[in-house]
Amino acid sequence: MFVVYSKDGCPYCDKVAGLLQWLELKHVIYKLDRDFTKESFIAEYGDSGSFPQVTFNDKSIGGCAETIQFVREQKHLPEKAEE
């Protein structure tokens, strides 16, 4: 299952969420200040951590571009989609 750590107003967060929903992949979205704090995010991803941060089965994938690449490599996404 995918876990997306996101925040309001983040277009890359929206893109990842939309992609996972479009592909009907099991996922959960956690929002900053609703589901986790900035401090807990920094503790996990460091000061330079950007949004979104995505994990798959408890393994960190990275941000938006890395998630698209991961989904493509897992054969859930055609080569030319979502570029």
C-alpha atoms as a PDB file:
ATOM      1  CA  MET A   1       0.000   0.000   0.000  1.00  0.00           C
ATOM      2  CA  PHE A   2       1.139   3.521  -0.806  1.00  0.00           C
ATOM      3  CA  VAL A   3       1.332   6.148   1.932  1.00  0.00           C
ATOM      4  CA  VAL A   4       1.512   9.779   0.846  1.00  0.00           C
ATOM      5  CA  TYR A   5       2.626  12.504   3.246  1.00  0.00           C
ATOM      6  CA  SER A   6       1.254  15.707   1.794  1.00  0.00           C
ATOM      7  CA  LYS A   7       0.196  19.238   2.607  1.00  0.00           C
ATOM      8  CA  ASP A   8      -2.523  21.571   1.409  1.00  0.00           C
ATOM      9  CA  GLY A   9      -1.644  23.754  -1.559  1.00  0.00           C
ATOM     10  CA  CYS A  10       0.984  21.373  -2.931  1.00  0.00           C
ATOM     11  CA  PRO A  11       0.452  20.671  -6.658  1.00  0.00           C
ATOM     12  CA  TYR A  12       2.855  17.699  -6.610  1.00  0.00           C
ATOM     13  CA  CYS A  13       0.930  16.181  -3.717  1.00  0.00           C
ATOM     14  CA  ASP A  14      -2.288  16.562  -5.708  1.00  0.00           C
ATOM     15  CA  LYS A  15      -0.651  14.986  -8.780  1.00  0.00           C
ATOM     16  CA  VAL A  16       0.505  11.917  -6.816  1.00  0.00           C
ATOM     17  CA  ALA A  17      -2.875  11.519  -5.128  1.00  0.00           C
ATOM     18  CA  GLY A  18      -4.667  11.837  -8.469  1.00  0.00           C
ATOM     19  CA  LEU A  19      -2.358   9.315 -10.126  1.00  0.00           C
ATOM     20  CA  LEU A  20      -2.833   6.698  -7.404  1.00  0.00           C
ATOM     21  CA  GLN A  21      -6.596   7.223  -7.488  1.00  0.00           C
ATOM     22  CA  TRP A  22      -6.707   7.080 -11.316  1.00  0.00           C
ATOM     23  CA  LEU A  23      -4.765   3.798 -11.290  1.00  0.00           C
ATOM     24  CA  GLU A  24      -6.941   2.480  -8.452  1.00  0.00           C
ATOM     25  CA  LEU A  25      -3.885   1.628  -6.365  1.00  0.00           C
ATOM     26  CA  LYS A  26      -4.439   1.160  -2.660  1.00  0.00           C
ATOM     27  CA  HIS A  27      -3.207   4.240  -0.824  1.00  0.00           C
ATOM     28  CA  VAL A  28      -3.716   6.540   2.134  1.00  0.00           C
ATOM     29  CA  ILE A  29      -3.055  10.277   2.226  1.00  0.00           C
ATOM     30  CA  TYR A  30      -1.765  11.910   5.391  1.00  0.00           C
ATOM     31  CA  LYS A  31      -1.956  15.708   5.609  1.00  0.00           C
ATOM     32  CA  LEU A  32       0.423  18.038   7.444  1.00  0.00           C
ATOM     33  CA  ASP A  33      -1.146  19.538  10.597  1.00  0.00           C
ATOM     34  CA  ARG A  34      -4.057  17.102  10.413  1.00  0.00           C
ATOM     35  CA  ASP A  35      -2.353  13.706  10.566  1.00  0.00           C
ATOM     36  CA  PHE A  36       1.248  14.602  11.421  1.00  0.00           C
ATOM     37  CA  THR A  37       3.296  17.553  12.613  1.00  0.00           C
ATOM     38  CA  LYS A  38       6.106  19.411  10.900  1.00  0.00           C
ATOM     39  CA  GLU A  39       8.421  18.180  13.667  1.00  0.00           C
ATOM     40  CA  SER A  40       7.585  14.518  13.053  1.00  0.00           C
ATOM     41  CA  PHE A  41       8.027  15.032   9.298  1.00  0.00           C
ATOM     42  CA  ILE A  42      11.476  16.605   9.833  1.00  0.00           C
ATOM     43  CA  ALA A  43      12.426  13.773  12.198  1.00  0.00           C
ATOM     44  CA  GLU A  44      11.593  11.251   9.466  1.00  0.00           C
ATOM     45  CA  TYR A  45      12.764  13.070   6.302  1.00  0.00           C
ATOM     46  CA  GLY A  46      15.145  15.776   7.548  1.00  0.00           C
ATOM     47  CA  ASP A  47      15.058  19.556   7.180  1.00  0.00           C
ATOM     48  CA  SER A  48      15.345  19.334   3.411  1.00  0.00           C
ATOM     49  CA  GLY A  49      12.447  16.907   3.041  1.00  0.00           C
ATOM     50  CA  SER A  50       9.971  18.138   0.452  1.00  0.00           C
ATOM     51  CA  PHE A  51       6.346  17.301  -0.237  1.00  0.00           C
ATOM     52  CA  PRO A  52       5.040  14.858  -1.074  1.00  0.00           C
ATOM     53  CA  GLN A  53       6.945  11.992   0.480  1.00  0.00           C
ATOM     54  CA  VAL A  54       5.666   8.593  -0.599  1.00  0.00           C
ATOM     55  CA  THR A  55       6.261   5.125   0.793  1.00  0.00           C
ATOM     56  CA  PHE A  56       5.232   1.755  -0.569  1.00  0.00           C
ATOM     57  CA  ASN A  57       4.928  -1.118   1.894  1.00  0.00           C
ATOM     58  CA  ASP A  58       6.955   0.899   4.439  1.00  0.00           C
ATOM     59  CA  LYS A  59       9.807   1.563   1.992  1.00  0.00           C
ATOM     60  CA  SER A  60      10.522   5.162   1.014  1.00  0.00           C
ATOM     61  CA  ILE A  61      10.046   5.946  -2.683  1.00  0.00           C
ATOM     62  CA  GLY A  62      10.599   9.716  -2.634  1.00  0.00           C
ATOM     63  CA  GLY A  63       8.635  12.567  -4.159  1.00  0.00           C
ATOM     64  CA  CYS A  64       6.357  13.016  -7.151  1.00  0.00           C
ATOM     65  CA  ALA A  65       8.833  12.170  -9.935  1.00  0.00           C
ATOM     66  CA  GLU A  66      10.160   9.131  -8.077  1.00  0.00           C
ATOM     67  CA  THR A  67       6.620   7.890  -7.446  1.00  0.00           C
ATOM     68  CA  ILE A  68       5.694   8.196 -11.129  1.00  0.00           C
ATOM     69  CA  GLN A  69       8.866   6.301 -12.059  1.00  0.00           C
ATOM     70  CA  PHE A  70       8.190   3.619  -9.420  1.00  0.00           C
ATOM     71  CA  VAL A  71       4.616   3.118 -10.644  1.00  0.00           C
ATOM     72  CA  ARG A  72       5.857   2.932 -14.238  1.00  0.00           C
ATOM     73  CA  GLU A  73       8.500   0.350 -13.310  1.00  0.00           C
ATOM     74  CA  GLN A  74       5.843  -1.704 -11.550  1.00  0.00           C
ATOM     75  CA  LYS A  75       3.934  -1.746 -14.868  1.00  0.00           C
ATOM     76  CA  HIS A  76       0.950   0.184 -13.522  1.00  0.00           C
ATOM     77  CA  LEU A  77       1.551   3.152 -15.842  1.00  0.00           C
ATOM     78  CA  PRO A  78       2.141   3.284 -19.597  1.00  0.00           C
ATOM     79  CA  GLU A  79       5.476   4.743 -20.743  1.00  0.00           C
ATOM     80  CA  LYS A  80       4.034   8.006 -22.106  1.00  0.00           C
ATOM     81  CA  ALA A  81       1.391   8.724 -19.445  1.00  0.00           C
ATOM     82  CA  GLU A  82       1.736  11.429 -16.759  1.00  0.00           C
ATOM     83  CA  GLU A  83       4.772  13.233 -18.168  1.00  0.00           C
END
